[in-house]
Amino acid sequence: MKFSVIIPLYNKEAEIGRTLHSVLAQTHVPYEIVVVDDGSTDGSAAIVESIVTESGPSDPTIKLIRQKNAGETAARNTAMISATGDYFALVDADDEWRPDFLSEVAALIEEFPACGLYSTGFDIVNNDGAGGTLAEHPARGLQKRGVVENFFRESMSAYVSIPSASVIPRTVFEVVGGFPEGMRLGGDQYMWTKIALRWPVCYSPARLVKYYMSASNRSAAIYKPEVTVYSFEDFYDPTGVGKKDSTSFWIDEYVARVALGKALTISAKGGTAEALRTEKFFAYNRLSRRLWWRLWVLNRTPAAWRPRLHALYTDFAWRFARKGL
């Protein structure tokens, strides 16, 4: 089973070594590792090159591709286009796999071969341990192993898929295309939506990935205005509004939840016009009213106050409810 590991890289000098070594330590050895350096200005690429030099003949090939900065989604697409394996195993350049991640995904593929996305559980790593040390917390995932009954419904209350814990078959990528280029936030959920509209999603509750909240250069922390033709409005189906338990109802509710969460960051960073459009368009939602009202309040708060207000709420939610991604 040929896994191509897909790693977008931008200014992750402090983390990329840890990530690559976790990939090289897999019990199911990947077929290849494709790293796309998206115009890094630090020593990230040099660290990748040093690991390539250290790799032995039994290690998978590590391809380092350089391109001008075009964003994380574009870097992932470049890597997948360049990859030659049958399955694209995604991992961000600041996260980490436990040794059996690819083995578990391989077992899922053998048992449930007709799925469009394979994901596992994960732990959230944050520096809120004793004395400021890193602490791991299990992310709220699903309990059942196998095909997810309704991806959109389950994703309203649990983390079914995140990039560093997900694998996409090449055949699926060839049908739906890549990640939405130019979308700086929510590009992964946009891709999952495209896939889940056509194929079932498979999940394992085994927590085989470490997601580092404290890693440098997280995309949500460095938001810039998006220039993209893609929007979560693309998936809205007016026939689903009000028809609870219909397929279109859950799709509409899921994309509203994702879009509203994204808009909170955009509003906090000063993108008032874009956030107001999201507030208006997704006002139809029934299951994310608290999120909608948070956005409504934030959009009407003086722009200078928004970053602090948003940060305080997020920190409160994380500390008391272990939410915050």
C-alpha atoms as a PDB file:
ATOM      1  CA  MET A   1       0.000   0.000   0.000  1.00  0.00           C
ATOM      2  CA  LYS A   2       1.835   3.083  -1.280  1.00  0.00           C
ATOM      3  CA  PHE A   3       1.450   6.133   0.965  1.00  0.00           C
ATOM      4  CA  SER A   4       2.788   9.471  -0.246  1.00  0.00           C
ATOM      5  CA  VAL A   5       3.229  11.748   2.759  1.00  0.00           C
ATOM      6  CA  ILE A   6       2.192  15.329   1.930  1.00  0.00           C
ATOM      7  CA  ILE A   7       3.816  18.138   3.949  1.00  0.00           C
ATOM      8  CA  PRO A   8       3.276  21.867   3.225  1.00  0.00           C
ATOM      9  CA  LEU A   9       6.124  23.852   4.785  1.00  0.00           C
ATOM     10  CA  TYR A  10       6.314  27.534   5.646  1.00  0.00           C
ATOM     11  CA  ASN A  11       8.610  28.880   8.368  1.00  0.00           C
ATOM     12  CA  LYS A  12       8.501  25.817  10.627  1.00  0.00           C
ATOM     13  CA  GLU A  13      12.185  25.751  11.517  1.00  0.00           C
ATOM     14  CA  ALA A  14      11.451  24.768  15.111  1.00  0.00           C
ATOM     15  CA  GLU A  15       9.078  21.901  14.257  1.00  0.00           C
ATOM     16  CA  ILE A  16       9.745  20.326  10.841  1.00  0.00           C
ATOM     17  CA  GLY A  17      12.511  18.047  12.145  1.00  0.00           C
ATOM     18  CA  ARG A  18      10.197  16.552  14.760  1.00  0.00           C
ATOM     19  CA  THR A  19       7.488  16.037  12.143  1.00  0.00           C
ATOM     20  CA  LEU A  20       9.762  14.330   9.612  1.00  0.00           C
ATOM     21  CA  HIS A  21      11.302  12.032  12.196  1.00  0.00           C
ATOM     22  CA  SER A  22       7.810  10.912  13.282  1.00  0.00           C
ATOM     23  CA  VAL A  23       7.049  10.037   9.652  1.00  0.00           C
ATOM     24  CA  LEU A  24      10.312   8.125   9.277  1.00  0.00           C
ATOM     25  CA  ALA A  25       9.509   6.174  12.459  1.00  0.00           C
ATOM     26  CA  GLN A  26       6.271   4.675  11.069  1.00  0.00           C
ATOM     27  CA  THR A  27       5.807   0.914  11.441  1.00  0.00           C
ATOM     28  CA  HIS A  28       4.226   0.942   7.973  1.00  0.00           C
ATOM     29  CA  VAL A  29       6.998   2.620   5.988  1.00  0.00           C
ATOM     30  CA  PRO A  30       5.662   5.311   3.623  1.00  0.00           C
ATOM     31  CA  TYR A  31       6.404   5.041  -0.081  1.00  0.00           C
ATOM     32  CA  GLU A  32       7.679   8.625  -0.308  1.00  0.00           C
ATOM     33  CA  ILE A  33       7.627  11.952   1.519  1.00  0.00           C
ATOM     34  CA  VAL A  34       6.880  15.106  -0.487  1.00  0.00           C
ATOM     35  CA  VAL A  35       7.710  18.408   1.231  1.00  0.00           C
ATOM     36  CA  VAL A  36       6.751  21.660  -0.497  1.00  0.00           C
ATOM     37  CA  ASP A  37       8.612  24.663   0.865  1.00  0.00           C
ATOM     38  CA  ASP A  38       6.157  27.504   0.286  1.00  0.00           C
ATOM     39  CA  GLY A  39       8.670  30.350   0.205  1.00  0.00           C
ATOM     40  CA  SER A  40      10.015  29.978   3.750  1.00  0.00           C
ATOM     41  CA  THR A  41      12.246  32.778   4.984  1.00  0.00           C
ATOM     42  CA  ASP A  42      13.836  30.819   7.841  1.00  0.00           C
ATOM     43  CA  GLY A  43      15.945  27.659   7.910  1.00  0.00           C
ATOM     44  CA  SER A  44      13.081  25.189   7.394  1.00  0.00           C
ATOM     45  CA  ALA A  45      14.269  23.919   4.000  1.00  0.00           C
ATOM     46  CA  ALA A  46      17.827  23.483   5.265  1.00  0.00           C
ATOM     47  CA  ILE A  47      16.578  21.209   8.052  1.00  0.00           C
ATOM     48  CA  VAL A  48      14.720  19.070   5.506  1.00  0.00           C
ATOM     49  CA  GLU A  49      17.887  18.843   3.393  1.00  0.00           C
ATOM     50  CA  SER A  50      19.925  17.753   6.422  1.00  0.00           C
ATOM     51  CA  ILE A  51      17.439  14.949   7.154  1.00  0.00           C
ATOM     52  CA  VAL A  52      17.599  13.867   3.499  1.00  0.00           C
ATOM     53  CA  THR A  53      21.375  13.618   3.872  1.00  0.00           C
ATOM     54  CA  GLU A  54      21.048  11.575   7.062  1.00  0.00           C
ATOM     55  CA  SER A  55      18.469   9.155   5.595  1.00  0.00           C
ATOM     56  CA  GLY A  56      19.635   5.621   4.921  1.00  0.00           C
ATOM     57  CA  PRO A  57      18.921   3.428   1.882  1.00  0.00           C
ATOM     58  CA  SER A  58      15.974   1.757   3.626  1.00  0.00           C
ATOM     59  CA  ASP A  59      14.235   5.069   4.284  1.00  0.00           C
ATOM     60  CA  PRO A  60      11.564   6.438   1.938  1.00  0.00           C
ATOM     61  CA  THR A  61      12.545   9.022  -0.651  1.00  0.00           C
ATOM     62  CA  ILE A  62      12.169  12.592   0.592  1.00  0.00           C
ATOM     63  CA  LYS A  63      11.369  15.081  -2.167  1.00  0.00           C
ATOM     64  CA  LEU A  64      11.850  18.768  -1.388  1.00  0.00           C
ATOM     65  CA  ILE A  65      10.062  21.117  -3.782  1.00  0.00           C
ATOM     66  CA  ARG A  66      10.460  24.887  -3.540  1.00  0.00           C
ATOM     67  CA  GLN A  67       7.901  27.418  -4.739  1.00  0.00           C
ATOM     68  CA  LYS A  68       7.050  31.064  -4.190  1.00  0.00           C
ATOM     69  CA  ASN A  69       4.717  31.669  -1.284  1.00  0.00           C
ATOM     70  CA  ALA A  70       1.192  30.797  -2.422  1.00  0.00           C
ATOM     71  CA  GLY A  71      -0.408  29.543   0.773  1.00  0.00           C
ATOM     72  CA  GLU A  72      -0.895  26.228   2.526  1.00  0.00           C
ATOM     73  CA  THR A  73      -3.621  24.949   0.203  1.00  0.00           C
ATOM     74  CA  ALA A  74      -1.495  25.619  -2.885  1.00  0.00           C
ATOM     75  CA  ALA A  75       1.487  23.891  -1.271  1.00  0.00           C
ATOM     76  CA  ARG A  76      -0.611  20.791  -0.532  1.00  0.00           C
ATOM     77  CA  ASN A  77      -1.849  20.730  -4.104  1.00  0.00           C
ATOM     78  CA  THR A  78       1.676  21.013  -5.490  1.00  0.00           C
ATOM     79  CA  ALA A  79       2.758  18.098  -3.300  1.00  0.00           C
ATOM     80  CA  MET A  80      -0.167  15.888  -4.352  1.00  0.00           C
ATOM     81  CA  ILE A  81       0.355  16.642  -8.031  1.00  0.00           C
ATOM     82  CA  SER A  82       4.015  15.668  -7.647  1.00  0.00           C
ATOM     83  CA  ALA A  83       3.336  12.539  -5.574  1.00  0.00           C
ATOM     84  CA  THR A  84       3.329   9.085  -7.154  1.00  0.00           C
ATOM     85  CA  GLY A  85       1.740   6.965  -4.413  1.00  0.00           C
ATOM     86  CA  ASP A  86      -1.799   5.593  -4.295  1.00  0.00           C
ATOM     87  CA  TYR A  87      -2.785   7.354  -1.047  1.00  0.00           C
ATOM     88  CA  PHE A  88      -1.970  10.884   0.114  1.00  0.00           C
ATOM     89  CA  ALA A  89      -1.261  10.985   3.858  1.00  0.00           C
ATOM     90  CA  LEU A  90      -1.428  14.587   5.038  1.00  0.00           C
ATOM     91  CA  VAL A  91       0.564  16.022   7.922  1.00  0.00           C
ATOM     92  CA  ASP A  92       1.251  19.640   8.807  1.00  0.00           C
ATOM     93  CA  ALA A  93       4.878  20.607   9.304  1.00  0.00           C
ATOM     94  CA  ASP A  94       4.376  21.245  13.038  1.00  0.00           C
ATOM     95  CA  ASP A  95       2.404  18.142  14.029  1.00  0.00           C
ATOM     96  CA  GLU A  96       3.504  14.603  14.793  1.00  0.00           C
ATOM     97  CA  TRP A  97       2.414  11.037  14.048  1.00  0.00           C
ATOM     98  CA  ARG A  98       2.645   8.210  16.533  1.00  0.00           C
ATOM     99  CA  PRO A  99       4.428   5.163  15.040  1.00  0.00           C
ATOM    100  CA  ASP A 100       1.279   3.181  14.148  1.00  0.00           C
ATOM    101  CA  PHE A 101      -0.639   5.918  12.333  1.00  0.00           C
ATOM    102  CA  LEU A 102      -0.060   4.612   8.787  1.00  0.00           C
ATOM    103  CA  SER A 103      -0.517   1.000   9.926  1.00  0.00           C
ATOM    104  CA  GLU A 104      -3.949   1.822  11.326  1.00  0.00           C
ATOM    105  CA  VAL A 105      -4.961   3.680   8.167  1.00  0.00           C
ATOM    106  CA  ALA A 106      -3.759   0.753   6.048  1.00  0.00           C
ATOM    107  CA  ALA A 107      -5.958  -1.566   8.135  1.00  0.00           C
ATOM    108  CA  LEU A 108      -8.934   0.765   7.650  1.00  0.00           C
ATOM    109  CA  ILE A 109      -8.403   0.772   3.883  1.00  0.00           C
ATOM    110  CA  GLU A 110      -8.305  -3.029   3.793  1.00  0.00           C
ATOM    111  CA  GLU A 111     -11.496  -3.323   5.851  1.00  0.00           C
ATOM    112  CA  PHE A 112     -13.404  -0.407   4.277  1.00  0.00           C
ATOM    113  CA  PRO A 113     -11.962   0.048   0.769  1.00  0.00           C
ATOM    114  CA  ALA A 114     -14.680   2.243  -0.762  1.00  0.00           C
ATOM    115  CA  CYS A 115     -14.193   5.397   1.312  1.00  0.00           C
ATOM    116  CA  GLY A 116     -13.056   8.800   0.127  1.00  0.00           C
ATOM    117  CA  LEU A 117     -11.322   9.907   3.333  1.00  0.00           C
ATOM    118  CA  TYR A 118      -9.645   7.993   6.164  1.00  0.00           C
ATOM    119  CA  SER A 119      -9.015   9.679   9.525  1.00  0.00           C
ATOM    120  CA  THR A 120      -7.995   8.836  13.087  1.00  0.00           C
ATOM    121  CA  GLY A 121      -8.363  10.443  16.480  1.00  0.00           C
ATOM    122  CA  PHE A 122      -5.728  12.792  17.835  1.00  0.00           C
ATOM    123  CA  ASP A 123      -4.441  14.513  20.939  1.00  0.00           C
ATOM    124  CA  ILE A 124      -4.172  18.267  21.356  1.00  0.00           C
ATOM    125  CA  VAL A 125      -0.821  19.406  22.736  1.00  0.00           C
ATOM    126  CA  ASN A 126      -0.778  22.756  24.498  1.00  0.00           C
ATOM    127  CA  ASN A 127       1.629  24.436  26.930  1.00  0.00           C
ATOM    128  CA  ASP A 128      -0.722  24.487  29.856  1.00  0.00           C
ATOM    129  CA  GLY A 129       1.031  21.756  31.835  1.00  0.00           C
ATOM    130  CA  ALA A 130       2.716  22.240  35.203  1.00  0.00           C
ATOM    131  CA  GLY A 131       5.362  24.919  35.039  1.00  0.00           C
ATOM    132  CA  GLY A 132       4.452  25.818  31.458  1.00  0.00           C
ATOM    133  CA  THR A 133       5.328  22.367  30.086  1.00  0.00           C
ATOM    134  CA  LEU A 134       3.447  20.755  27.220  1.00  0.00           C
ATOM    135  CA  ALA A 135       0.325  18.798  28.116  1.00  0.00           C
ATOM    136  CA  GLU A 136      -1.696  16.410  25.940  1.00  0.00           C
ATOM    137  CA  HIS A 137      -5.481  16.350  25.891  1.00  0.00           C
ATOM    138  CA  PRO A 138      -7.625  13.920  23.876  1.00  0.00           C
ATOM    139  CA  ALA A 139      -9.597  15.709  21.176  1.00  0.00           C
ATOM    140  CA  ARG A 140     -13.326  15.078  21.184  1.00  0.00           C
ATOM    141  CA  GLY A 141     -13.677  12.403  18.509  1.00  0.00           C
ATOM    142  CA  LEU A 142     -15.994   9.509  17.688  1.00  0.00           C
ATOM    143  CA  GLN A 143     -16.174   6.232  19.609  1.00  0.00           C
ATOM    144  CA  LYS A 144     -16.963   3.866  16.743  1.00  0.00           C
ATOM    145  CA  ARG A 145     -14.366   2.511  14.328  1.00  0.00           C
ATOM    146  CA  GLY A 146     -15.425   2.186  10.696  1.00  0.00           C
ATOM    147  CA  VAL A 147     -17.603   4.091   8.251  1.00  0.00           C
ATOM    148  CA  VAL A 148     -19.046   7.295   9.720  1.00  0.00           C
ATOM    149  CA  GLU A 149     -22.828   7.218   9.525  1.00  0.00           C
ATOM    150  CA  ASN A 150     -23.211  10.904   8.629  1.00  0.00           C
ATOM    151  CA  PHE A 151     -20.003  12.930   8.351  1.00  0.00           C
ATOM    152  CA  PHE A 152     -21.759  16.308   8.446  1.00  0.00           C
ATOM    153  CA  ARG A 153     -23.920  15.507  11.460  1.00  0.00           C
ATOM    154  CA  GLU A 154     -21.081  13.926  13.441  1.00  0.00           C
ATOM    155  CA  SER A 155     -18.730  16.818  12.636  1.00  0.00           C
ATOM    156  CA  MET A 156     -21.088  19.222  14.403  1.00  0.00           C
ATOM    157  CA  SER A 157     -20.020  17.879  17.797  1.00  0.00           C
ATOM    158  CA  ALA A 158     -16.768  15.964  17.238  1.00  0.00           C
ATOM    159  CA  TYR A 159     -13.503  16.187  15.323  1.00  0.00           C
ATOM    160  CA  VAL A 160     -13.857  13.620  12.548  1.00  0.00           C
ATOM    161  CA  SER A 161     -11.041  14.837  10.281  1.00  0.00           C
ATOM    162  CA  ILE A 162      -8.122  17.234  10.576  1.00  0.00           C
ATOM    163  CA  PRO A 163      -5.321  17.427   7.983  1.00  0.00           C
ATOM    164  CA  SER A 164      -2.583  15.802  10.070  1.00  0.00           C
ATOM    165  CA  ALA A 165      -4.788  12.774  10.787  1.00  0.00           C
ATOM    166  CA  SER A 166      -6.251  12.226   7.320  1.00  0.00           C
ATOM    167  CA  VAL A 167      -5.483  10.215   4.178  1.00  0.00           C
ATOM    168  CA  ILE A 168      -7.026  10.766   0.737  1.00  0.00           C
ATOM    169  CA  PRO A 169      -6.942   8.100  -2.006  1.00  0.00           C
ATOM    170  CA  ARG A 170      -5.357   9.315  -5.238  1.00  0.00           C
ATOM    171  CA  THR A 171      -8.490   8.300  -7.158  1.00  0.00           C
ATOM    172  CA  VAL A 172     -10.565  10.667  -5.003  1.00  0.00           C
ATOM    173  CA  PHE A 173      -8.147  13.560  -5.564  1.00  0.00           C
ATOM    174  CA  GLU A 174      -8.355  12.956  -9.324  1.00  0.00           C
ATOM    175  CA  VAL A 175     -12.155  13.358  -9.203  1.00  0.00           C
ATOM    176  CA  VAL A 176     -12.707  16.267  -6.773  1.00  0.00           C
ATOM    177  CA  GLY A 177      -9.466  18.165  -7.409  1.00  0.00           C
ATOM    178  CA  GLY A 178      -7.298  19.747  -4.767  1.00  0.00           C
ATOM    179  CA  PHE A 179      -7.680  22.075  -1.818  1.00  0.00           C
ATOM    180  CA  PRO A 180      -9.240  25.535  -2.467  1.00  0.00           C
ATOM    181  CA  GLU A 181      -6.274  27.690  -3.404  1.00  0.00           C
ATOM    182  CA  GLY A 182      -6.286  31.159  -1.904  1.00  0.00           C
ATOM    183  CA  MET A 183      -8.434  30.087   1.048  1.00  0.00           C
ATOM    184  CA  ARG A 184      -6.314  30.782   4.139  1.00  0.00           C
ATOM    185  CA  LEU A 185      -8.724  29.432   6.738  1.00  0.00           C
ATOM    186  CA  GLY A 186     -11.034  26.427   6.435  1.00  0.00           C
ATOM    187  CA  GLY A 187      -9.414  24.956   3.332  1.00  0.00           C
ATOM    188  CA  ASP A 188      -9.339  21.515   4.925  1.00  0.00           C
ATOM    189  CA  GLN A 189     -13.072  21.576   5.810  1.00  0.00           C
ATOM    190  CA  TYR A 190     -13.824  22.736   2.270  1.00  0.00           C
ATOM    191  CA  MET A 191     -11.958  19.684   0.934  1.00  0.00           C
ATOM    192  CA  TRP A 192     -13.686  17.313   3.380  1.00  0.00           C
ATOM    193  CA  THR A 193     -17.050  18.668   2.253  1.00  0.00           C
ATOM    194  CA  LYS A 194     -16.249  18.017  -1.412  1.00  0.00           C
ATOM    195  CA  ILE A 195     -15.244  14.469  -0.560  1.00  0.00           C
ATOM    196  CA  ALA A 196     -18.059  13.647   1.878  1.00  0.00           C
ATOM    197  CA  LEU A 197     -20.670  14.744  -0.670  1.00  0.00           C
ATOM    198  CA  ARG A 198     -19.515  11.879  -2.916  1.00  0.00           C
ATOM    199  CA  TRP A 199     -17.981   9.162  -0.710  1.00  0.00           C
ATOM    200  CA  PRO A 200     -18.324   7.743   2.800  1.00  0.00           C
ATOM    201  CA  VAL A 201     -15.718   8.757   5.370  1.00  0.00           C
ATOM    202  CA  CYS A 202     -13.895   6.172   7.512  1.00  0.00           C
ATOM    203  CA  TYR A 203     -12.643   6.823  11.036  1.00  0.00           C
ATOM    204  CA  SER A 204     -10.619   5.170  13.780  1.00  0.00           C
ATOM    205  CA  PRO A 205     -10.852   6.468  17.363  1.00  0.00           C
ATOM    206  CA  ALA A 206      -7.210   5.507  18.000  1.00  0.00           C
ATOM    207  CA  ARG A 207      -5.419   8.751  18.907  1.00  0.00           C
ATOM    208  CA  LEU A 208      -2.345   8.407  16.707  1.00  0.00           C
ATOM    209  CA  VAL A 209      -1.575  12.070  15.965  1.00  0.00           C
ATOM    210  CA  LYS A 210      -0.350  14.990  18.066  1.00  0.00           C
ATOM    211  CA  TYR A 211      -1.783  18.368  17.075  1.00  0.00           C
ATOM    212  CA  TYR A 212       0.371  21.169  18.492  1.00  0.00           C
ATOM    213  CA  MET A 213      -1.700  24.235  19.345  1.00  0.00           C
ATOM    214  CA  SER A 214       1.394  26.042  20.557  1.00  0.00           C
ATOM    215  CA  ALA A 215       3.332  25.554  17.319  1.00  0.00           C
ATOM    216  CA  SER A 216       4.674  28.635  15.592  1.00  0.00           C
ATOM    217  CA  ASN A 217       3.017  30.218  12.602  1.00  0.00           C
ATOM    218  CA  ARG A 218      -0.454  28.661  12.865  1.00  0.00           C
ATOM    219  CA  SER A 219      -2.591  29.905   9.964  1.00  0.00           C
ATOM    220  CA  ALA A 220      -5.344  31.296  12.200  1.00  0.00           C
ATOM    221  CA  ALA A 221      -2.771  33.432  14.005  1.00  0.00           C
ATOM    222  CA  ILE A 222      -1.492  35.097  10.836  1.00  0.00           C
ATOM    223  CA  TYR A 223      -4.729  35.765   8.962  1.00  0.00           C
ATOM    224  CA  LYS A 224      -4.483  37.919   5.849  1.00  0.00           C
ATOM    225  CA  PRO A 225      -7.339  38.870   3.503  1.00  0.00           C
ATOM    226  CA  GLU A 226      -8.230  35.987   1.224  1.00  0.00           C
ATOM    227  CA  VAL A 227      -8.123  36.215  -2.551  1.00  0.00           C
ATOM    228  CA  THR A 228     -10.014  33.144  -3.713  1.00  0.00           C
ATOM    229  CA  VAL A 229     -12.948  32.081  -5.848  1.00  0.00           C
ATOM    230  CA  TYR A 230     -13.990  29.489  -3.255  1.00  0.00           C
ATOM    231  CA  SER A 231     -16.524  29.979  -0.471  1.00  0.00           C
ATOM    232  CA  PHE A 232     -18.552  27.778   1.863  1.00  0.00           C
ATOM    233  CA  GLU A 233     -21.568  29.419   0.293  1.00  0.00           C
ATOM    234  CA  ASP A 234     -20.858  27.073  -2.649  1.00  0.00           C
ATOM    235  CA  PHE A 235     -22.346  24.158  -0.679  1.00  0.00           C
ATOM    236  CA  TYR A 236     -25.537  25.832   0.559  1.00  0.00           C
ATOM    237  CA  ASP A 237     -28.722  23.987  -0.413  1.00  0.00           C
ATOM    238  CA  PRO A 238     -31.879  26.040   0.324  1.00  0.00           C
ATOM    239  CA  THR A 239     -34.026  22.897   0.275  1.00  0.00           C
ATOM    240  CA  GLY A 240     -32.348  21.751   3.481  1.00  0.00           C
ATOM    241  CA  VAL A 241     -33.265  24.701   5.684  1.00  0.00           C
ATOM    242  CA  GLY A 242     -35.763  23.692   8.345  1.00  0.00           C
ATOM    243  CA  LYS A 243     -35.911  20.032   7.276  1.00  0.00           C
ATOM    244  CA  LYS A 244     -34.142  18.534  10.253  1.00  0.00           C
ATOM    245  CA  ASP A 245     -32.498  15.139   9.744  1.00  0.00           C
ATOM    246  CA  SER A 246     -32.473  15.477   5.963  1.00  0.00           C
ATOM    247  CA  THR A 247     -29.058  15.119   4.307  1.00  0.00           C
ATOM    248  CA  SER A 248     -29.104  18.683   3.001  1.00  0.00           C
ATOM    249  CA  PHE A 249     -30.036  20.001   6.467  1.00  0.00           C
ATOM    250  CA  TRP A 250     -26.852  18.585   7.992  1.00  0.00           C
ATOM    251  CA  ILE A 251     -24.721  19.806   5.094  1.00  0.00           C
ATOM    252  CA  ASP A 252     -26.134  23.324   5.487  1.00  0.00           C
ATOM    253  CA  GLU A 253     -25.599  23.287   9.251  1.00  0.00           C
ATOM    254  CA  TYR A 254     -22.033  21.999   8.933  1.00  0.00           C
ATOM    255  CA  VAL A 255     -20.904  24.580   6.373  1.00  0.00           C
ATOM    256  CA  ALA A 256     -22.591  27.326   8.434  1.00  0.00           C
ATOM    257  CA  ARG A 257     -20.691  26.238  11.544  1.00  0.00           C
ATOM    258  CA  VAL A 258     -17.360  26.178   9.715  1.00  0.00           C
ATOM    259  CA  ALA A 259     -17.967  29.501   7.969  1.00  0.00           C
ATOM    260  CA  LEU A 260     -19.031  31.236  11.205  1.00  0.00           C
ATOM    261  CA  GLY A 261     -15.982  29.955  13.080  1.00  0.00           C
ATOM    262  CA  LYS A 262     -13.759  31.179  10.273  1.00  0.00           C
ATOM    263  CA  ALA A 263     -15.513  34.557  10.246  1.00  0.00           C
ATOM    264  CA  LEU A 264     -14.783  35.052  13.954  1.00  0.00           C
ATOM    265  CA  THR A 265     -11.052  35.026  13.200  1.00  0.00           C
ATOM    266  CA  ILE A 266     -11.562  37.253  10.188  1.00  0.00           C
ATOM    267  CA  SER A 267     -13.583  39.762  12.222  1.00  0.00           C
ATOM    268  CA  ALA A 268     -11.016  39.726  15.041  1.00  0.00           C
ATOM    269  CA  LYS A 269      -8.301  40.557  12.509  1.00  0.00           C
ATOM    270  CA  GLY A 270     -10.315  43.488  11.122  1.00  0.00           C
ATOM    271  CA  GLY A 271     -12.040  41.899   8.130  1.00  0.00           C
ATOM    272  CA  THR A 272     -15.385  43.497   8.961  1.00  0.00           C
ATOM    273  CA  ALA A 273     -16.979  43.466   5.511  1.00  0.00           C
ATOM    274  CA  GLU A 274     -16.234  39.783   4.925  1.00  0.00           C
ATOM    275  CA  ALA A 275     -17.369  38.830   8.433  1.00  0.00           C
ATOM    276  CA  LEU A 276     -20.626  40.786   8.043  1.00  0.00           C
ATOM    277  CA  ARG A 277     -21.348  38.972   4.777  1.00  0.00           C
ATOM    278  CA  THR A 278     -20.854  35.615   6.510  1.00  0.00           C
ATOM    279  CA  GLU A 279     -23.067  36.716   9.417  1.00  0.00           C
ATOM    280  CA  LYS A 280     -25.860  37.639   7.013  1.00  0.00           C
ATOM    281  CA  PHE A 281     -25.587  34.661   4.661  1.00  0.00           C
ATOM    282  CA  PHE A 282     -25.435  31.973   7.352  1.00  0.00           C
ATOM    283  CA  ALA A 283     -28.082  33.479   9.618  1.00  0.00           C
ATOM    284  CA  TYR A 284     -30.313  30.584   8.539  1.00  0.00           C
ATOM    285  CA  ASN A 285     -28.488  28.157  10.873  1.00  0.00           C
ATOM    286  CA  ARG A 286     -30.374  26.500  13.727  1.00  0.00           C
ATOM    287  CA  LEU A 287     -27.625  24.622  15.540  1.00  0.00           C
ATOM    288  CA  SER A 288     -24.879  27.250  15.815  1.00  0.00           C
ATOM    289  CA  ARG A 289     -26.847  30.158  17.257  1.00  0.00           C
ATOM    290  CA  ARG A 290     -24.348  30.854  20.044  1.00  0.00           C
ATOM    291  CA  LEU A 291     -21.554  31.011  17.456  1.00  0.00           C
ATOM    292  CA  TRP A 292     -23.649  33.314  15.260  1.00  0.00           C
ATOM    293  CA  TRP A 293     -24.372  35.669  18.165  1.00  0.00           C
ATOM    294  CA  ARG A 294     -20.672  35.770  19.080  1.00  0.00           C
ATOM    295  CA  LEU A 295     -19.940  36.869  15.518  1.00  0.00           C
ATOM    296  CA  TRP A 296     -22.782  39.396  15.632  1.00  0.00           C
ATOM    297  CA  VAL A 297     -21.348  40.973  18.800  1.00  0.00           C
ATOM    298  CA  LEU A 298     -17.758  40.909  17.544  1.00  0.00           C
ATOM    299  CA  ASN A 299     -18.717  42.568  14.257  1.00  0.00           C
ATOM    300  CA  ARG A 300     -20.229  45.468  16.214  1.00  0.00           C
ATOM    301  CA  THR A 301     -17.341  45.857  18.615  1.00  0.00           C
ATOM    302  CA  PRO A 302     -14.729  48.549  17.835  1.00  0.00           C
ATOM    303  CA  ALA A 303     -12.060  46.955  15.636  1.00  0.00           C
ATOM    304  CA  ALA A 304      -9.262  47.800  18.088  1.00  0.00           C
ATOM    305  CA  TRP A 305     -10.948  45.784  20.842  1.00  0.00           C
ATOM    306  CA  ARG A 306     -11.769  42.692  18.809  1.00  0.00           C
ATOM    307  CA  PRO A 307      -8.440  40.789  18.928  1.00  0.00           C
ATOM    308  CA  ARG A 308      -8.293  40.948  22.719  1.00  0.00           C
ATOM    309  CA  LEU A 309     -11.982  40.077  23.170  1.00  0.00           C
ATOM    310  CA  HIS A 310     -11.724  37.128  20.791  1.00  0.00           C
ATOM    311  CA  ALA A 311      -8.514  35.888  22.425  1.00  0.00           C
ATOM    312  CA  LEU A 312     -10.031  36.083  25.921  1.00  0.00           C
ATOM    313  CA  TYR A 313     -13.088  34.088  24.889  1.00  0.00           C
ATOM    314  CA  THR A 314     -11.009  31.458  23.099  1.00  0.00           C
ATOM    315  CA  ASP A 315      -8.672  31.085  26.063  1.00  0.00           C
ATOM    316  CA  PHE A 316     -11.642  30.764  28.425  1.00  0.00           C
ATOM    317  CA  ALA A 317     -13.271  28.117  26.225  1.00  0.00           C
ATOM    318  CA  TRP A 318     -10.051  26.125  26.015  1.00  0.00           C
ATOM    319  CA  ARG A 319      -9.320  26.174  29.730  1.00  0.00           C
ATOM    320  CA  PHE A 320     -12.812  25.309  30.888  1.00  0.00           C
ATOM    321  CA  ALA A 321     -14.210  23.152  28.100  1.00  0.00           C
ATOM    322  CA  ARG A 322     -11.098  21.896  26.271  1.00  0.00           C
ATOM    323  CA  LYS A 323     -12.288  23.534  23.079  1.00  0.00           C
ATOM    324  CA  GLY A 324     -10.309  25.966  21.035  1.00  0.00           C
ATOM    325  CA  LEU A 325      -9.170  24.621  17.676  1.00  0.00           C
END
